[in-house]
Amino acid sequence: MVAIVGSDLRSVERVKGKLSYGSVAFRGIITGSWLGLLVSLFIPVNSTQAVGATTGAAIVIGAGIGMLLNVLRFSLARNRHEFSSSTQVVAANYDVVVPHPMSQQAKNAIQEHIEQCINGQPKK
């Protein structure tokens, strides 16, 4: 089994953009619509004609509730979180660990890669 082990781990946060009431409301609409659709799947309906109306109503109601809750949550935390970001764990160094019987095969693969590439770019 081959393992790639990272060391010197760091948490990197990348800022994606500034949050506004419009973007927060839109995200709430999307999330609420999906939740409304999910809820509509569990509502029993007797008539086949009412399925579309029930599903549509659940999606619209879910979108409204999602938008309202997202805007309310954003308003309460306005001064603390004004940017959209993502967090990622990044290693400074990587080690490839292979079992002893595969060590020669791994060395050959590394040597072949070095011969075919210059600075990570294929030779032309």
PDB file of N, CA and C in Angstrom:
ATOM      1  N   MET A   1       0.841  -1.175   0.000  1.00  0.00           N
ATOM      2  CA  MET A   1       0.000   0.000   0.000  1.00  0.00           C
ATOM      3  C   MET A   1       0.891   1.245   0.000  1.00  0.00           C
ATOM      4  N   VAL A   2       0.619   2.151  -0.875  1.00  0.00           N
ATOM      5  CA  VAL A   2       1.373   3.403  -0.984  1.00  0.00           C
ATOM      6  C   VAL A   2       0.637   4.469  -0.186  1.00  0.00           C
ATOM      7  N   ALA A   3       1.387   5.259   0.594  1.00  0.00           N
ATOM      8  CA  ALA A   3       0.792   6.339   1.380  1.00  0.00           C
ATOM      9  C   ALA A   3       1.548   7.634   1.098  1.00  0.00           C
ATOM     10  N   ILE A   4       0.810   8.707   0.980  1.00  0.00           N
ATOM     11  CA  ILE A   4       1.401  10.037   0.842  1.00  0.00           C
ATOM     12  C   ILE A   4       1.124  10.762   2.153  1.00  0.00           C
ATOM     13  N   VAL A   5       2.186  11.117   2.862  1.00  0.00           N
ATOM     14  CA  VAL A   5       2.071  11.697   4.196  1.00  0.00           C
ATOM     15  C   VAL A   5       2.504  13.156   4.141  1.00  0.00           C
ATOM     16  N   GLY A   6       1.642  14.049   4.602  1.00  0.00           N
ATOM     17  CA  GLY A   6       1.956  15.472   4.646  1.00  0.00           C
ATOM     18  C   GLY A   6       2.439  15.858   6.032  1.00  0.00           C
ATOM     19  N   SER A   7       3.411  16.757   6.100  1.00  0.00           N
ATOM     20  CA  SER A   7       3.904  17.248   7.395  1.00  0.00           C
ATOM     21  C   SER A   7       3.919  18.773   7.374  1.00  0.00           C
ATOM     22  N   ASP A   8       4.081  19.366   8.543  1.00  0.00           N
ATOM     23  CA  ASP A   8       4.023  20.825   8.704  1.00  0.00           C
ATOM     24  C   ASP A   8       2.698  21.357   8.165  1.00  0.00           C
ATOM     25  N   LEU A   9       1.602  20.861   8.744  1.00  0.00           N
ATOM     26  CA  LEU A   9       0.267  21.240   8.278  1.00  0.00           C
ATOM     27  C   LEU A   9      -0.066  22.669   8.672  1.00  0.00           C
ATOM     28  N   ARG A  10      -0.745  23.362   7.771  1.00  0.00           N
ATOM     29  CA  ARG A  10      -1.195  24.731   8.001  1.00  0.00           C
ATOM     30  C   ARG A  10      -2.630  24.860   7.531  1.00  0.00           C
ATOM     31  N   SER A  11      -3.355  25.705   8.205  1.00  0.00           N
ATOM     32  CA  SER A  11      -4.728  26.006   7.808  1.00  0.00           C
ATOM     33  C   SER A  11      -4.706  27.286   6.977  1.00  0.00           C
ATOM     34  N   VAL A  12      -5.201  27.186   5.740  1.00  0.00           N
ATOM     35  CA  VAL A  12      -5.213  28.335   4.839  1.00  0.00           C
ATOM     36  C   VAL A  12      -6.663  28.716   4.574  1.00  0.00           C
ATOM     37  N   GLU A  13      -6.980  29.977   4.806  1.00  0.00           N
ATOM     38  CA  GLU A  13      -8.330  30.470   4.551  1.00  0.00           C
ATOM     39  C   GLU A  13      -8.282  31.395   3.340  1.00  0.00           C
ATOM     40  N   ARG A  14      -9.070  31.065   2.343  1.00  0.00           N
ATOM     41  CA  ARG A  14      -9.105  31.859   1.109  1.00  0.00           C
ATOM     42  C   ARG A  14     -10.409  32.652   1.064  1.00  0.00           C
ATOM     43  N   VAL A  15     -10.281  33.954   0.892  1.00  0.00           N
ATOM     44  CA  VAL A  15     -11.445  34.827   0.826  1.00  0.00           C
ATOM     45  C   VAL A  15     -12.032  34.760  -0.577  1.00  0.00           C
ATOM     46  N   LYS A  16     -13.308  34.435  -0.668  1.00  0.00           N
ATOM     47  CA  LYS A  16     -13.972  34.316  -1.969  1.00  0.00           C
ATOM     48  C   LYS A  16     -14.650  35.613  -2.386  1.00  0.00           C
ATOM     49  N   GLY A  17     -15.125  36.369  -1.423  1.00  0.00           N
ATOM     50  CA  GLY A  17     -15.790  37.620  -1.772  1.00  0.00           C
ATOM     51  C   GLY A  17     -16.508  38.217  -0.580  1.00  0.00           C
ATOM     52  N   LYS A  18     -16.967  39.427  -0.754  1.00  0.00           N
ATOM     53  CA  LYS A  18     -17.691  40.133   0.302  1.00  0.00           C
ATOM     54  C   LYS A  18     -19.158  39.709   0.282  1.00  0.00           C
ATOM     55  N   LEU A  19     -19.697  39.479   1.467  1.00  0.00           N
ATOM     56  CA  LEU A  19     -21.111  39.104   1.573  1.00  0.00           C
ATOM     57  C   LEU A  19     -21.975  40.357   1.569  1.00  0.00           C
ATOM     58  N   SER A  20     -23.105  40.271   0.893  1.00  0.00           N
ATOM     59  CA  SER A  20     -24.085  41.347   0.906  1.00  0.00           C
ATOM     60  C   SER A  20     -25.446  40.729   1.207  1.00  0.00           C
ATOM     61  N   TYR A  21     -26.427  41.572   1.494  1.00  0.00           N
ATOM     62  CA  TYR A  21     -27.759  41.044   1.770  1.00  0.00           C
ATOM     63  C   TYR A  21     -28.316  40.287   0.565  1.00  0.00           C
ATOM     64  N   GLY A  22     -28.019  40.757  -0.636  1.00  0.00           N
ATOM     65  CA  GLY A  22     -28.504  40.081  -1.836  1.00  0.00           C
ATOM     66  C   GLY A  22     -27.927  38.683  -1.995  1.00  0.00           C
ATOM     67  N   SER A  23     -26.608  38.554  -1.811  1.00  0.00           N
ATOM     68  CA  SER A  23     -25.994  37.226  -1.963  1.00  0.00           C
ATOM     69  C   SER A  23     -26.439  36.279  -0.854  1.00  0.00           C
ATOM     70  N   VAL A  24     -26.597  36.795   0.356  1.00  0.00           N
ATOM     71  CA  VAL A  24     -27.064  35.967   1.463  1.00  0.00           C
ATOM     72  C   VAL A  24     -28.503  35.526   1.214  1.00  0.00           C
ATOM     73  N   ALA A  25     -29.343  36.426   0.722  1.00  0.00           N
ATOM     74  CA  ALA A  25     -30.739  36.077   0.436  1.00  0.00           C
ATOM     75  C   ALA A  25     -30.813  35.032  -0.678  1.00  0.00           C
ATOM     76  N   PHE A  26     -30.010  35.189  -1.716  1.00  0.00           N
ATOM     77  CA  PHE A  26     -30.017  34.228  -2.820  1.00  0.00           C
ATOM     78  C   PHE A  26     -29.600  32.842  -2.341  1.00  0.00           C
ATOM     79  N   ARG A  27     -28.564  32.772  -1.535  1.00  0.00           N
ATOM     80  CA  ARG A  27     -28.139  31.473  -0.992  1.00  0.00           C
ATOM     81  C   ARG A  27     -29.224  30.856  -0.124  1.00  0.00           C
ATOM     82  N   GLY A  28     -29.935  31.687   0.626  1.00  0.00           N
ATOM     83  CA  GLY A  28     -31.046  31.198   1.446  1.00  0.00           C
ATOM     84  C   GLY A  28     -32.179  30.647   0.590  1.00  0.00           C
ATOM     85  N   ILE A  29     -32.454  31.311  -0.534  1.00  0.00           N
ATOM     86  CA  ILE A  29     -33.494  30.832  -1.454  1.00  0.00           C
ATOM     87  C   ILE A  29     -33.130  29.465  -2.011  1.00  0.00           C
ATOM     88  N   ILE A  30     -31.883  29.304  -2.427  1.00  0.00           N
ATOM     89  CA  ILE A  30     -31.444  28.026  -3.004  1.00  0.00           C
ATOM     90  C   ILE A  30     -31.542  26.913  -1.961  1.00  0.00           C
ATOM     91  N   THR A  31     -30.999  27.147  -0.774  1.00  0.00           N
ATOM     92  CA  THR A  31     -31.028  26.134   0.279  1.00  0.00           C
ATOM     93  C   THR A  31     -32.457  25.817   0.696  1.00  0.00           C
ATOM     94  N   GLY A  32     -33.274  26.838   0.870  1.00  0.00           N
ATOM     95  CA  GLY A  32     -34.668  26.633   1.263  1.00  0.00           C
ATOM     96  C   GLY A  32     -35.466  25.882   0.212  1.00  0.00           C
ATOM     97  N   SER A  33     -35.177  26.143  -1.064  1.00  0.00           N
ATOM     98  CA  SER A  33     -35.881  25.432  -2.145  1.00  0.00           C
ATOM     99  C   SER A  33     -35.571  23.943  -2.098  1.00  0.00           C
ATOM    100  N   TRP A  34     -34.306  23.599  -1.891  1.00  0.00           N
ATOM    101  CA  TRP A  34     -33.947  22.180  -1.792  1.00  0.00           C
ATOM    102  C   TRP A  34     -34.616  21.527  -0.589  1.00  0.00           C
ATOM    103  N   LEU A  35     -34.639  22.235   0.534  1.00  0.00           N
ATOM    104  CA  LEU A  35     -35.305  21.669   1.711  1.00  0.00           C
ATOM    105  C   LEU A  35     -36.807  21.539   1.482  1.00  0.00           C
ATOM    106  N   GLY A  36     -37.411  22.500   0.805  1.00  0.00           N
ATOM    107  CA  GLY A  36     -38.833  22.416   0.481  1.00  0.00           C
ATOM    108  C   GLY A  36     -39.131  21.237  -0.428  1.00  0.00           C
ATOM    109  N   LEU A  37     -38.265  21.008  -1.413  1.00  0.00           N
ATOM    110  CA  LEU A  37     -38.438  19.850  -2.291  1.00  0.00           C
ATOM    111  C   LEU A  37     -38.340  18.553  -1.499  1.00  0.00           C
ATOM    112  N   LEU A  38     -37.382  18.482  -0.592  1.00  0.00           N
ATOM    113  CA  LEU A  38     -37.213  17.282   0.235  1.00  0.00           C
ATOM    114  C   LEU A  38     -38.442  17.043   1.113  1.00  0.00           C
ATOM    115  N   VAL A  39     -38.960  18.099   1.707  1.00  0.00           N
ATOM    116  CA  VAL A  39     -40.168  17.971   2.544  1.00  0.00           C
ATOM    117  C   VAL A  39     -41.357  17.528   1.703  1.00  0.00           C
ATOM    118  N   SER A  40     -41.463  18.048   0.478  1.00  0.00           N
ATOM    119  CA  SER A  40     -42.607  17.696  -0.372  1.00  0.00           C
ATOM    120  C   SER A  40     -42.612  16.219  -0.750  1.00  0.00           C
ATOM    121  N   LEU A  41     -41.453  15.590  -0.743  1.00  0.00           N
ATOM    122  CA  LEU A  41     -41.405  14.165  -1.062  1.00  0.00           C
ATOM    123  C   LEU A  41     -42.022  13.308   0.041  1.00  0.00           C
ATOM    124  N   PHE A  42     -42.112  13.859   1.260  1.00  0.00           N
ATOM    125  CA  PHE A  42     -42.659  13.099   2.380  1.00  0.00           C
ATOM    126  C   PHE A  42     -44.109  13.461   2.698  1.00  0.00           C
ATOM    127  N   ILE A  43     -44.699  14.365   1.934  1.00  0.00           N
ATOM    128  CA  ILE A  43     -46.104  14.737   2.147  1.00  0.00           C
ATOM    129  C   ILE A  43     -46.980  13.795   1.325  1.00  0.00           C
ATOM    130  N   PRO A  44     -47.877  13.046   1.988  1.00  0.00           N
ATOM    131  CA  PRO A  44     -48.747  12.138   1.229  1.00  0.00           C
ATOM    132  C   PRO A  44     -49.817  12.925   0.455  1.00  0.00           C
ATOM    133  N   VAL A  45     -49.985  12.590  -0.812  1.00  0.00           N
ATOM    134  CA  VAL A  45     -50.969  13.243  -1.672  1.00  0.00           C
ATOM    135  C   VAL A  45     -51.807  12.155  -2.341  1.00  0.00           C
ATOM    136  N   ASN A  46     -53.150  12.318  -2.329  1.00  0.00           N
ATOM    137  CA  ASN A  46     -54.045  11.316  -2.903  1.00  0.00           C
ATOM    138  C   ASN A  46     -54.195  11.450  -4.407  1.00  0.00           C
ATOM    139  N   SER A  47     -54.200  12.656  -4.900  1.00  0.00           N
ATOM    140  CA  SER A  47     -54.451  12.904  -6.313  1.00  0.00           C
ATOM    141  C   SER A  47     -53.134  13.151  -7.057  1.00  0.00           C
ATOM    142  N   THR A  48     -53.049  12.637  -8.290  1.00  0.00           N
ATOM    143  CA  THR A  48     -51.838  12.864  -9.086  1.00  0.00           C
ATOM    144  C   THR A  48     -51.745  14.319  -9.542  1.00  0.00           C
ATOM    145  N   GLN A  49     -52.905  15.007  -9.671  1.00  0.00           N
ATOM    146  CA  GLN A  49     -52.885  16.404 -10.087  1.00  0.00           C
ATOM    147  C   GLN A  49     -52.362  17.311  -8.971  1.00  0.00           C
ATOM    148  N   ALA A  50     -52.550  16.903  -7.724  1.00  0.00           N
ATOM    149  CA  ALA A  50     -52.141  17.739  -6.595  1.00  0.00           C
ATOM    150  C   ALA A  50     -50.659  17.593  -6.278  1.00  0.00           C
ATOM    151  N   VAL A  51     -50.002  16.619  -6.865  1.00  0.00           N
ATOM    152  CA  VAL A  51     -48.583  16.408  -6.574  1.00  0.00           C
ATOM    153  C   VAL A  51     -47.762  17.620  -7.014  1.00  0.00           C
ATOM    154  N   GLY A  52     -47.996  18.102  -8.215  1.00  0.00           N
ATOM    155  CA  GLY A  52     -47.252  19.261  -8.717  1.00  0.00           C
ATOM    156  C   GLY A  52     -47.510  20.506  -7.898  1.00  0.00           C
ATOM    157  N   ALA A  53     -48.762  20.725  -7.532  1.00  0.00           N
ATOM    158  CA  ALA A  53     -49.105  21.902  -6.732  1.00  0.00           C
ATOM    159  C   ALA A  53     -48.486  21.816  -5.344  1.00  0.00           C
ATOM    160  N   THR A  54     -48.536  20.640  -4.749  1.00  0.00           N
ATOM    161  CA  THR A  54     -47.958  20.458  -3.421  1.00  0.00           C
ATOM    162  C   THR A  54     -46.445  20.635  -3.459  1.00  0.00           C
ATOM    163  N   THR A  55     -45.806  20.061  -4.465  1.00  0.00           N
ATOM    164  CA  THR A  55     -44.352  20.185  -4.596  1.00  0.00           C
ATOM    165  C   THR A  55     -43.960  21.641  -4.835  1.00  0.00           C
ATOM    166  N   GLY A  56     -44.667  22.304  -5.742  1.00  0.00           N
ATOM    167  CA  GLY A  56     -44.373  23.711  -6.024  1.00  0.00           C
ATOM    168  C   GLY A  56     -44.566  24.598  -4.808  1.00  0.00           C
ATOM    169  N   ALA A  57     -45.660  24.366  -4.075  1.00  0.00           N
ATOM    170  CA  ALA A  57     -45.917  25.165  -2.877  1.00  0.00           C
ATOM    171  C   ALA A  57     -44.834  24.932  -1.825  1.00  0.00           C
ATOM    172  N   ALA A  58     -44.409  23.688  -1.650  1.00  0.00           N
ATOM    173  CA  ALA A  58     -43.371  23.382  -0.665  1.00  0.00           C
ATOM    174  C   ALA A  58     -42.047  24.037  -1.047  1.00  0.00           C
ATOM    175  N   ILE A  59     -41.740  24.055  -2.339  1.00  0.00           N
ATOM    176  CA  ILE A  59     -40.491  24.687  -2.787  1.00  0.00           C
ATOM    177  C   ILE A  59     -40.537  26.198  -2.550  1.00  0.00           C
ATOM    178  N   VAL A  60     -41.671  26.829  -2.875  1.00  0.00           N
ATOM    179  CA  VAL A  60     -41.801  28.285  -2.697  1.00  0.00           C
ATOM    180  C   VAL A  60     -41.763  28.648  -1.211  1.00  0.00           C
ATOM    181  N   ILE A  61     -42.484  27.894  -0.395  1.00  0.00           N
ATOM    182  CA  ILE A  61     -42.493  28.168   1.047  1.00  0.00           C
ATOM    183  C   ILE A  61     -41.093  27.942   1.631  1.00  0.00           C
ATOM    184  N   GLY A  62     -40.438  26.858   1.217  1.00  0.00           N
ATOM    185  CA  GLY A  62     -39.077  26.593   1.691  1.00  0.00           C
ATOM    186  C   GLY A  62     -38.115  27.693   1.282  1.00  0.00           C
ATOM    187  N   ALA A  63     -38.264  28.201   0.052  1.00  0.00           N
ATOM    188  CA  ALA A  63     -37.393  29.281  -0.420  1.00  0.00           C
ATOM    189  C   ALA A  63     -37.600  30.539   0.421  1.00  0.00           C
ATOM    190  N   GLY A  64     -38.839  30.851   0.715  1.00  0.00           N
ATOM    191  CA  GLY A  64     -39.133  32.030   1.536  1.00  0.00           C
ATOM    192  C   GLY A  64     -38.579  31.913   2.943  1.00  0.00           C
ATOM    193  N   ILE A  65     -38.784  30.762   3.555  1.00  0.00           N
ATOM    194  CA  ILE A  65     -38.273  30.553   4.909  1.00  0.00           C
ATOM    195  C   ILE A  65     -36.744  30.558   4.915  1.00  0.00           C
ATOM    196  N   GLY A  66     -36.134  29.910   3.926  1.00  0.00           N
ATOM    197  CA  GLY A  66     -34.676  29.889   3.844  1.00  0.00           C
ATOM    198  C   GLY A  66     -34.097  31.274   3.679  1.00  0.00           C
ATOM    199  N   MET A  67     -34.719  32.095   2.811  1.00  0.00           N
ATOM    200  CA  MET A  67     -34.250  33.456   2.605  1.00  0.00           C
ATOM    201  C   MET A  67     -34.382  34.267   3.895  1.00  0.00           C
ATOM    202  N   LEU A  68     -35.526  34.166   4.538  1.00  0.00           N
ATOM    203  CA  LEU A  68     -35.766  34.919   5.763  1.00  0.00           C
ATOM    204  C   LEU A  68     -34.764  34.545   6.855  1.00  0.00           C
ATOM    205  N   LEU A  69     -34.550  33.261   7.062  1.00  0.00           N
ATOM    206  CA  LEU A  69     -33.625  32.821   8.111  1.00  0.00           C
ATOM    207  C   LEU A  69     -32.182  33.212   7.792  1.00  0.00           C
ATOM    208  N   ASN A  70     -31.785  33.116   6.532  1.00  0.00           N
ATOM    209  CA  ASN A  70     -30.411  33.482   6.161  1.00  0.00           C
ATOM    210  C   ASN A  70     -30.161  34.981   6.344  1.00  0.00           C
ATOM    211  N   VAL A  71     -31.111  35.811   5.939  1.00  0.00           N
ATOM    212  CA  VAL A  71     -30.950  37.264   6.091  1.00  0.00           C
ATOM    213  C   VAL A  71     -30.952  37.631   7.570  1.00  0.00           C
ATOM    214  N   LEU A  72     -31.813  36.997   8.360  1.00  0.00           N
ATOM    215  CA  LEU A  72     -31.864  37.259   9.797  1.00  0.00           C
ATOM    216  C   LEU A  72     -30.547  36.863  10.466  1.00  0.00           C
ATOM    217  N   ARG A  73     -30.024  35.695  10.113  1.00  0.00           N
ATOM    218  CA  ARG A  73     -28.756  35.235  10.676  1.00  0.00           C
ATOM    219  C   ARG A  73     -27.611  36.172  10.279  1.00  0.00           C
ATOM    220  N   PHE A  74     -27.610  36.634   9.041  1.00  0.00           N
ATOM    221  CA  PHE A  74     -26.572  37.558   8.571  1.00  0.00           C
ATOM    222  C   PHE A  74     -26.676  38.906   9.290  1.00  0.00           C
ATOM    223  N   SER A  75     -27.884  39.376   9.526  1.00  0.00           N
ATOM    224  CA  SER A  75     -28.076  40.654  10.215  1.00  0.00           C
ATOM    225  C   SER A  75     -27.554  40.602  11.646  1.00  0.00           C
ATOM    226  N   LEU A  76     -27.755  39.473  12.317  1.00  0.00           N
ATOM    227  CA  LEU A  76     -27.311  39.349  13.703  1.00  0.00           C
ATOM    228  C   LEU A  76     -25.789  39.247  13.810  1.00  0.00           C
ATOM    229  N   ALA A  77     -25.125  38.709  12.797  1.00  0.00           N
ATOM    230  CA  ALA A  77     -23.671  38.537  12.821  1.00  0.00           C
ATOM    231  C   ALA A  77     -22.986  39.488  11.860  1.00  0.00           C
ATOM    232  N   ARG A  78     -23.573  40.620  11.577  1.00  0.00           N
ATOM    233  CA  ARG A  78     -23.097  41.544  10.549  1.00  0.00           C
ATOM    234  C   ARG A  78     -21.658  42.004  10.766  1.00  0.00           C
ATOM    235  N   ASN A  79     -21.276  42.358  11.963  1.00  0.00           N
ATOM    236  CA  ASN A  79     -19.947  42.917  12.200  1.00  0.00           C
ATOM    237  C   ASN A  79     -18.866  41.845  12.323  1.00  0.00           C
ATOM    238  N   ARG A  80     -19.250  40.601  12.458  1.00  0.00           N
ATOM    239  CA  ARG A  80     -18.263  39.563  12.689  1.00  0.00           C
ATOM    240  C   ARG A  80     -17.887  38.773  11.443  1.00  0.00           C
ATOM    241  N   HIS A  81     -18.767  38.721  10.470  1.00  0.00           N
ATOM    242  CA  HIS A  81     -18.500  37.845   9.324  1.00  0.00           C
ATOM    243  C   HIS A  81     -19.012  38.499   8.051  1.00  0.00           C
ATOM    244  N   GLU A  82     -18.182  39.310   7.420  1.00  0.00           N
ATOM    245  CA  GLU A  82     -18.602  40.036   6.232  1.00  0.00           C
ATOM    246  C   GLU A  82     -18.049  39.463   4.940  1.00  0.00           C
ATOM    247  N   PHE A  83     -17.264  38.382   5.024  1.00  0.00           N
ATOM    248  CA  PHE A  83     -16.651  37.817   3.828  1.00  0.00           C
ATOM    249  C   PHE A  83     -16.964  36.330   3.729  1.00  0.00           C
ATOM    250  N   SER A  84     -17.086  35.864   2.497  1.00  0.00           N
ATOM    251  CA  SER A  84     -17.261  34.443   2.228  1.00  0.00           C
ATOM    252  C   SER A  84     -15.875  33.842   2.041  1.00  0.00           C
ATOM    253  N   SER A  85     -15.601  32.733   2.718  1.00  0.00           N
ATOM    254  CA  SER A  85     -14.270  32.150   2.629  1.00  0.00           C
ATOM    255  C   SER A  85     -14.351  30.633   2.712  1.00  0.00           C
ATOM    256  N   SER A  86     -13.258  29.993   2.322  1.00  0.00           N
ATOM    257  CA  SER A  86     -13.145  28.547   2.457  1.00  0.00           C
ATOM    258  C   SER A  86     -11.824  28.238   3.149  1.00  0.00           C
ATOM    259  N   THR A  87     -11.828  27.219   3.983  1.00  0.00           N
ATOM    260  CA  THR A  87     -10.643  26.838   4.725  1.00  0.00           C
ATOM    261  C   THR A  87     -10.108  25.525   4.178  1.00  0.00           C
ATOM    262  N   GLN A  88      -8.798  25.425   4.067  1.00  0.00           N
ATOM    263  CA  GLN A  88      -8.161  24.240   3.523  1.00  0.00           C
ATOM    264  C   GLN A  88      -6.910  23.949   4.342  1.00  0.00           C
ATOM    265  N   VAL A  89      -6.654  22.670   4.601  1.00  0.00           N
ATOM    266  CA  VAL A  89      -5.434  22.257   5.284  1.00  0.00           C
ATOM    267  C   VAL A  89      -4.390  21.913   4.226  1.00  0.00           C
ATOM    268  N   VAL A  90      -3.214  22.559   4.313  1.00  0.00           N
ATOM    269  CA  VAL A  90      -2.157  22.381   3.326  1.00  0.00           C
ATOM    270  C   VAL A  90      -0.887  21.931   4.042  1.00  0.00           C
ATOM    271  N   ALA A  91      -0.178  20.978   3.455  1.00  0.00           N
ATOM    272  CA  ALA A  91       1.083  20.507   4.017  1.00  0.00           C
ATOM    273  C   ALA A  91       2.252  21.205   3.331  1.00  0.00           C
ATOM    274  N   ALA A  92       3.302  21.502   4.110  1.00  0.00           N
ATOM    275  CA  ALA A  92       4.494  22.127   3.542  1.00  0.00           C
ATOM    276  C   ALA A  92       5.363  21.087   2.844  1.00  0.00           C
ATOM    277  N   ASN A  93       5.392  19.869   3.364  1.00  0.00           N
ATOM    278  CA  ASN A  93       6.217  18.799   2.794  1.00  0.00           C
ATOM    279  C   ASN A  93       5.384  17.524   2.672  1.00  0.00           C
ATOM    280  N   TYR A  94       5.680  16.764   1.643  1.00  0.00           N
ATOM    281  CA  TYR A  94       5.012  15.484   1.440  1.00  0.00           C
ATOM    282  C   TYR A  94       6.051  14.380   1.346  1.00  0.00           C
ATOM    283  N   ASP A  95       5.756  13.234   1.942  1.00  0.00           N
ATOM    284  CA  ASP A  95       6.609  12.053   1.844  1.00  0.00           C
ATOM    285  C   ASP A  95       5.774  10.919   1.272  1.00  0.00           C
ATOM    286  N   VAL A  96       6.377  10.148   0.369  1.00  0.00           N
ATOM    287  CA  VAL A  96       5.721   8.976  -0.192  1.00  0.00           C
ATOM    288  C   VAL A  96       6.281   7.759   0.533  1.00  0.00           C
ATOM    289  N   VAL A  97       5.400   6.987   1.147  1.00  0.00           N
ATOM    290  CA  VAL A  97       5.809   5.812   1.910  1.00  0.00           C
ATOM    291  C   VAL A  97       5.315   4.571   1.178  1.00  0.00           C
ATOM    292  N   VAL A  98       6.254   3.669   0.865  1.00  0.00           N
ATOM    293  CA  VAL A  98       5.896   2.421   0.176  1.00  0.00           C
ATOM    294  C   VAL A  98       6.436   1.246   0.979  1.00  0.00           C
ATOM    295  N   PRO A  99       5.808   0.076   0.877  1.00  0.00           N
ATOM    296  CA  PRO A  99       6.343  -1.104   1.550  1.00  0.00           C
ATOM    297  C   PRO A  99       7.707  -1.482   0.971  1.00  0.00           C
ATOM    298  N   HIS A 100       8.515  -2.115   1.774  1.00  0.00           N
ATOM    299  CA  HIS A 100       9.877  -2.463   1.359  1.00  0.00           C
ATOM    300  C   HIS A 100       9.925  -3.259   0.050  1.00  0.00           C
ATOM    301  N   PRO A 101       9.038  -4.253  -0.179  1.00  0.00           N
ATOM    302  CA  PRO A 101       9.114  -4.992  -1.449  1.00  0.00           C
ATOM    303  C   PRO A 101       8.874  -4.122  -2.686  1.00  0.00           C
ATOM    304  N   MET A 102       8.210  -2.987  -2.530  1.00  0.00           N
ATOM    305  CA  MET A 102       7.915  -2.116  -3.671  1.00  0.00           C
ATOM    306  C   MET A 102       8.900  -0.957  -3.782  1.00  0.00           C
ATOM    307  N   SER A 103       9.902  -0.896  -2.913  1.00  0.00           N
ATOM    308  CA  SER A 103      10.793   0.269  -2.893  1.00  0.00           C
ATOM    309  C   SER A 103      11.575   0.428  -4.195  1.00  0.00           C
ATOM    310  N   GLN A 104      12.062  -0.657  -4.771  1.00  0.00           N
ATOM    311  CA  GLN A 104      12.824  -0.555  -6.018  1.00  0.00           C
ATOM    312  C   GLN A 104      11.929  -0.082  -7.160  1.00  0.00           C
ATOM    313  N   GLN A 105      10.694  -0.573  -7.205  1.00  0.00           N
ATOM    314  CA  GLN A 105       9.756  -0.141  -8.237  1.00  0.00           C
ATOM    315  C   GLN A 105       9.459   1.355  -8.091  1.00  0.00           C
ATOM    316  N   ALA A 106       9.326   1.834  -6.860  1.00  0.00           N
ATOM    317  CA  ALA A 106       9.079   3.253  -6.621  1.00  0.00           C
ATOM    318  C   ALA A 106      10.272   4.099  -7.048  1.00  0.00           C
ATOM    319  N   LYS A 107      11.493   3.642  -6.744  1.00  0.00           N
ATOM    320  CA  LYS A 107      12.689   4.373  -7.152  1.00  0.00           C
ATOM    321  C   LYS A 107      12.795   4.451  -8.676  1.00  0.00           C
ATOM    322  N   ASN A 108      12.468   3.341  -9.347  1.00  0.00           N
ATOM    323  CA  ASN A 108      12.490   3.340 -10.811  1.00  0.00           C
ATOM    324  C   ASN A 108      11.474   4.325 -11.385  1.00  0.00           C
ATOM    325  N   ALA A 109      10.280   4.383 -10.783  1.00  0.00           N
ATOM    326  CA  ALA A 109       9.244   5.305 -11.259  1.00  0.00           C
ATOM    327  C   ALA A 109       9.688   6.752 -11.073  1.00  0.00           C
ATOM    328  N   ILE A 110      10.339   7.051  -9.950  1.00  0.00           N
ATOM    329  CA  ILE A 110      10.826   8.412  -9.705  1.00  0.00           C
ATOM    330  C   ILE A 110      11.925   8.766 -10.699  1.00  0.00           C
ATOM    331  N   GLN A 111      12.841   7.854 -10.926  1.00  0.00           N
ATOM    332  CA  GLN A 111      13.929   8.099 -11.879  1.00  0.00           C
ATOM    333  C   GLN A 111      13.390   8.324 -13.289  1.00  0.00           C
ATOM    334  N   GLU A 112      12.405   7.529 -13.679  1.00  0.00           N
ATOM    335  CA  GLU A 112      11.783   7.684 -15.002  1.00  0.00           C
ATOM    336  C   GLU A 112      11.109   9.037 -15.125  1.00  0.00           C
ATOM    337  N   HIS A 113      10.453   9.471 -14.053  1.00  0.00           N
ATOM    338  CA  HIS A 113       9.795  10.780 -14.068  1.00  0.00           C
ATOM    339  C   HIS A 113      10.831  11.897 -14.203  1.00  0.00           C
ATOM    340  N   ILE A 114      11.937  11.778 -13.482  1.00  0.00           N
ATOM    341  CA  ILE A 114      12.984  12.797 -13.549  1.00  0.00           C
ATOM    342  C   ILE A 114      13.575  12.873 -14.956  1.00  0.00           C
ATOM    343  N   GLU A 115      13.762  11.742 -15.586  1.00  0.00           N
ATOM    344  CA  GLU A 115      14.341  11.721 -16.934  1.00  0.00           C
ATOM    345  C   GLU A 115      13.394  12.309 -17.976  1.00  0.00           C
ATOM    346  N   GLN A 116      12.090  12.164 -17.772  1.00  0.00           N
ATOM    347  CA  GLN A 116      11.115  12.629 -18.755  1.00  0.00           C
ATOM    348  C   GLN A 116      10.671  14.070 -18.539  1.00  0.00           C
ATOM    349  N   CYS A 117      10.914  14.615 -17.369  1.00  0.00           N
ATOM    350  CA  CYS A 117      10.430  15.954 -17.054  1.00  0.00           C
ATOM    351  C   CYS A 117      11.550  16.861 -16.583  1.00  0.00           C
ATOM    352  N   ILE A 118      11.395  18.140 -16.872  1.00  0.00           N
ATOM    353  CA  ILE A 118      12.304  19.163 -16.367  1.00  0.00           C
ATOM    354  C   ILE A 118      11.444  20.150 -15.593  1.00  0.00           C
ATOM    355  N   ASN A 119      11.691  20.289 -14.285  1.00  0.00           N
ATOM    356  CA  ASN A 119      10.922  21.186 -13.421  1.00  0.00           C
ATOM    357  C   ASN A 119       9.422  20.909 -13.477  1.00  0.00           C
ATOM    358  N   GLY A 120       9.033  19.660 -13.525  1.00  0.00           N
ATOM    359  CA  GLY A 120       7.632  19.312 -13.540  1.00  0.00           C
ATOM    360  C   GLY A 120       6.964  19.439 -14.890  1.00  0.00           C
ATOM    361  N   GLN A 121       7.675  19.917 -15.899  1.00  0.00           N
ATOM    362  CA  GLN A 121       7.101  20.073 -17.233  1.00  0.00           C
ATOM    363  C   GLN A 121       7.676  18.995 -18.157  1.00  0.00           C
ATOM    364  N   PRO A 122       6.847  18.371 -18.975  1.00  0.00           N
ATOM    365  CA  PRO A 122       7.361  17.355 -19.913  1.00  0.00           C
ATOM    366  C   PRO A 122       8.375  17.967 -20.880  1.00  0.00           C
ATOM    367  N   LYS A 123       9.399  17.171 -21.228  1.00  0.00           N
ATOM    368  CA  LYS A 123      10.389  17.627 -22.212  1.00  0.00           C
ATOM    369  C   LYS A 123       9.722  17.754 -23.576  1.00  0.00           C
ATOM    370  N   LYS A 124      10.137  18.756 -24.329  1.00  0.00           N
ATOM    371  CA  LYS A 124       9.545  18.959 -25.656  1.00  0.00           C
ATOM    372  C   LYS A 124      10.434  18.429 -26.727  1.00  0.00           C
TER     373      LYS A 124
END
